[in-house]
Amino acid sequence: MTDCIFCRIINRELPASIVHEDDHIIAFMDIQPVNPGHILVVPKIHQVFISELDENLTSRMFNMASRINRAIRKSEVQCEGINYFLADGEAAGQEVFHTHLHVFPRFTNDGFGLRFDESYHSLPKRDELDELCENIRSLLK
């Protein structure tokens, strides 16, 4: 993908501060960090959605994210917690259409947060949850 910024980083057409790289994934510092220490874990294969990735590759991404988590907590980065965030599709907030997992340190009053306006949603009834659960469960492969 010549127009994908992550593919261009993987192909060394754009600079990046690379934390880790192997044959399958690359992890580098986010240039628009939520907080210092914000790292992106990216598969080297271009796929938009995480569901398009092989399960082994998805596991590699999350295993690396866990290792990065431990490294951030040992580092000099201000960190009271860590968020993992993966926006899967435009409606979920995905801006770069190449699967990627954000790993970023958090601290009290850092100004970041997910907001949920309860006025737009009512809590589902148990039978609605059960029906949806059965539908999703039947489609697991």
Protein backbone atom coordinates (compact mmCIF):
# COMPACT_ATOMS: atom_id res chain seq x y z
CA MET A 1 0.00 0.00 0.00
CA THR A 2 1.87 3.07 -1.22
CA ASP A 3 -0.49 5.52 0.47
CA CYS A 4 -0.51 3.82 3.90
CA ILE A 5 1.64 5.72 6.39
CA PHE A 6 2.38 2.55 8.40
CA CYS A 7 3.40 0.60 5.30
CA ARG A 8 5.70 3.48 4.41
CA ILE A 9 7.26 3.29 7.90
CA ILE A 10 7.64 -0.49 7.59
CA ASN A 11 9.32 -0.01 4.18
CA ARG A 12 11.61 2.70 5.64
CA GLU A 13 10.15 5.38 3.39
CA LEU A 14 9.27 7.46 6.48
CA PRO A 15 11.22 7.84 9.72
CA ALA A 16 10.11 6.24 12.96
CA SER A 17 11.47 5.74 16.46
CA ILE A 18 11.34 1.95 16.49
CA VAL A 19 11.03 0.21 19.86
CA HIS A 20 10.84 -3.34 18.45
CA GLU A 21 10.84 -5.07 15.10
CA ASP A 22 10.77 -8.68 13.98
CA ASP A 23 9.59 -10.50 10.85
CA HIS A 24 5.90 -10.01 11.71
CA ILE A 25 5.40 -6.81 13.71
CA ILE A 26 6.92 -3.42 14.31
CA ALA A 27 6.43 -1.17 17.34
CA PHE A 28 7.26 2.53 17.26
CA MET A 29 6.61 5.77 19.11
CA ASP A 30 3.38 7.56 18.19
CA ILE A 31 4.08 11.05 16.78
CA GLN A 32 0.76 12.31 18.23
CA PRO A 33 0.98 10.74 21.69
CA VAL A 34 -1.76 10.76 24.28
CA ASN A 35 1.09 10.89 26.79
CA PRO A 36 4.88 10.48 26.51
CA GLY A 37 5.69 6.81 26.01
CA HIS A 38 2.74 6.17 23.63
CA ILE A 39 3.71 3.28 21.33
CA LEU A 40 1.97 1.69 18.34
CA VAL A 41 2.22 -2.06 17.71
CA VAL A 42 1.65 -2.72 14.01
CA PRO A 43 1.57 -5.92 11.96
CA LYS A 44 3.84 -5.77 8.92
CA ILE A 45 1.09 -7.15 6.71
CA HIS A 46 -1.39 -4.52 5.55
CA GLN A 47 -4.87 -5.33 6.82
CA VAL A 48 -7.48 -2.80 7.86
CA PHE A 49 -9.36 -4.84 10.48
CA ILE A 50 -7.97 -7.04 13.22
CA SER A 51 -10.42 -9.76 12.13
CA GLU A 52 -8.45 -10.00 8.87
CA LEU A 53 -5.28 -11.01 10.72
CA ASP A 54 -4.19 -14.53 11.48
CA GLU A 55 -4.77 -15.36 15.17
CA ASN A 56 -1.04 -16.01 15.65
CA LEU A 57 -0.24 -12.52 14.42
CA THR A 58 -2.87 -11.01 16.71
CA SER A 59 -1.30 -12.94 19.60
CA ARG A 60 2.14 -11.61 18.67
CA MET A 61 0.78 -8.05 18.75
CA PHE A 62 -0.73 -8.44 22.20
CA ASN A 63 2.30 -10.30 23.56
CA MET A 64 4.53 -7.44 22.39
CA ALA A 65 2.10 -4.94 23.91
CA SER A 66 2.45 -6.76 27.22
CA ARG A 67 6.25 -6.61 27.01
CA ILE A 68 6.05 -2.90 26.16
CA ASN A 69 3.74 -2.40 29.16
CA ARG A 70 6.37 -3.90 31.48
CA ALA A 71 9.13 -1.80 29.90
CA ILE A 72 7.13 1.44 30.22
CA ARG A 73 6.45 0.71 33.90
CA LYS A 74 10.20 0.24 34.51
CA SER A 75 11.14 3.33 32.50
CA GLU A 76 11.35 6.99 33.49
CA VAL A 77 7.95 7.63 31.84
CA GLN A 78 5.23 8.98 34.13
CA CYS A 79 2.90 5.99 34.45
CA GLU A 80 0.22 5.03 36.96
CA GLY A 81 -1.61 2.80 34.47
CA ILE A 82 -1.55 1.65 30.85
CA ASN A 83 -4.24 1.68 28.19
CA TYR A 84 -4.47 -0.64 25.22
CA PHE A 85 -6.61 0.82 22.45
CA LEU A 86 -7.43 -0.61 19.05
CA ALA A 87 -9.90 1.28 16.86
CA ASP A 88 -11.29 -1.27 14.40
CA GLY A 89 -13.11 0.66 11.68
CA GLU A 90 -13.91 4.28 11.03
CA ALA A 91 -16.97 4.32 13.32
CA ALA A 92 -14.69 3.12 16.15
CA GLY A 93 -12.30 6.02 15.59
CA GLN A 94 -9.76 4.34 13.30
CA GLU A 95 -7.87 7.04 11.42
CA VAL A 96 -5.05 5.02 9.84
CA PHE A 97 -6.58 2.09 8.00
CA HIS A 98 -3.88 -0.44 8.85
CA THR A 99 -4.51 -2.48 12.00
CA HIS A 100 -2.58 -1.09 14.96
CA LEU A 101 -2.66 -1.36 18.72
CA HIS A 102 -1.98 1.69 20.88
CA VAL A 103 -0.15 1.16 24.17
CA PHE A 104 0.06 4.31 26.25
CA PRO A 105 0.85 5.26 29.81
CA ARG A 106 -1.77 6.97 31.94
CA PHE A 107 -1.61 9.04 35.08
CA THR A 108 -4.16 10.83 37.24
CA ASN A 109 -5.64 13.93 35.58
CA ASP A 110 -3.75 13.42 32.30
CA GLY A 111 -6.79 14.77 30.42
CA PHE A 112 -7.49 11.66 28.35
CA GLY A 113 -10.60 9.55 28.66
CA LEU A 114 -13.33 7.75 26.83
CA ARG A 115 -16.67 9.44 27.29
CA PHE A 116 -20.04 7.69 27.36
CA ASP A 117 -23.22 9.72 27.27
CA GLU A 118 -25.78 7.58 29.09
CA SER A 119 -28.63 9.73 27.75
CA TYR A 120 -28.19 8.11 24.33
CA HIS A 121 -28.38 4.52 25.58
CA SER A 122 -30.56 2.57 27.95
CA LEU A 123 -29.38 -0.54 29.73
CA PRO A 124 -30.43 -3.74 27.95
CA LYS A 125 -32.69 -6.32 29.55
CA ARG A 126 -31.26 -9.76 30.38
CA ASP A 127 -33.24 -11.49 27.60
CA GLU A 128 -31.81 -9.02 25.07
CA LEU A 129 -28.29 -9.75 26.34
CA ASP A 130 -28.93 -13.50 26.17
CA GLU A 131 -30.28 -13.29 22.61
CA LEU A 132 -27.32 -11.24 21.40
CA CYS A 133 -24.93 -13.51 23.29
CA GLU A 134 -26.33 -16.61 21.59
CA ASN A 135 -26.09 -14.99 18.17
CA ILE A 136 -22.42 -14.02 18.66
CA ARG A 137 -21.55 -17.35 20.32
CA SER A 138 -23.01 -19.26 17.36
CA LEU A 139 -20.71 -17.36 14.99
CA LEU A 140 -17.44 -17.97 16.86
CA LYS A 141 -15.05 -20.03 14.79
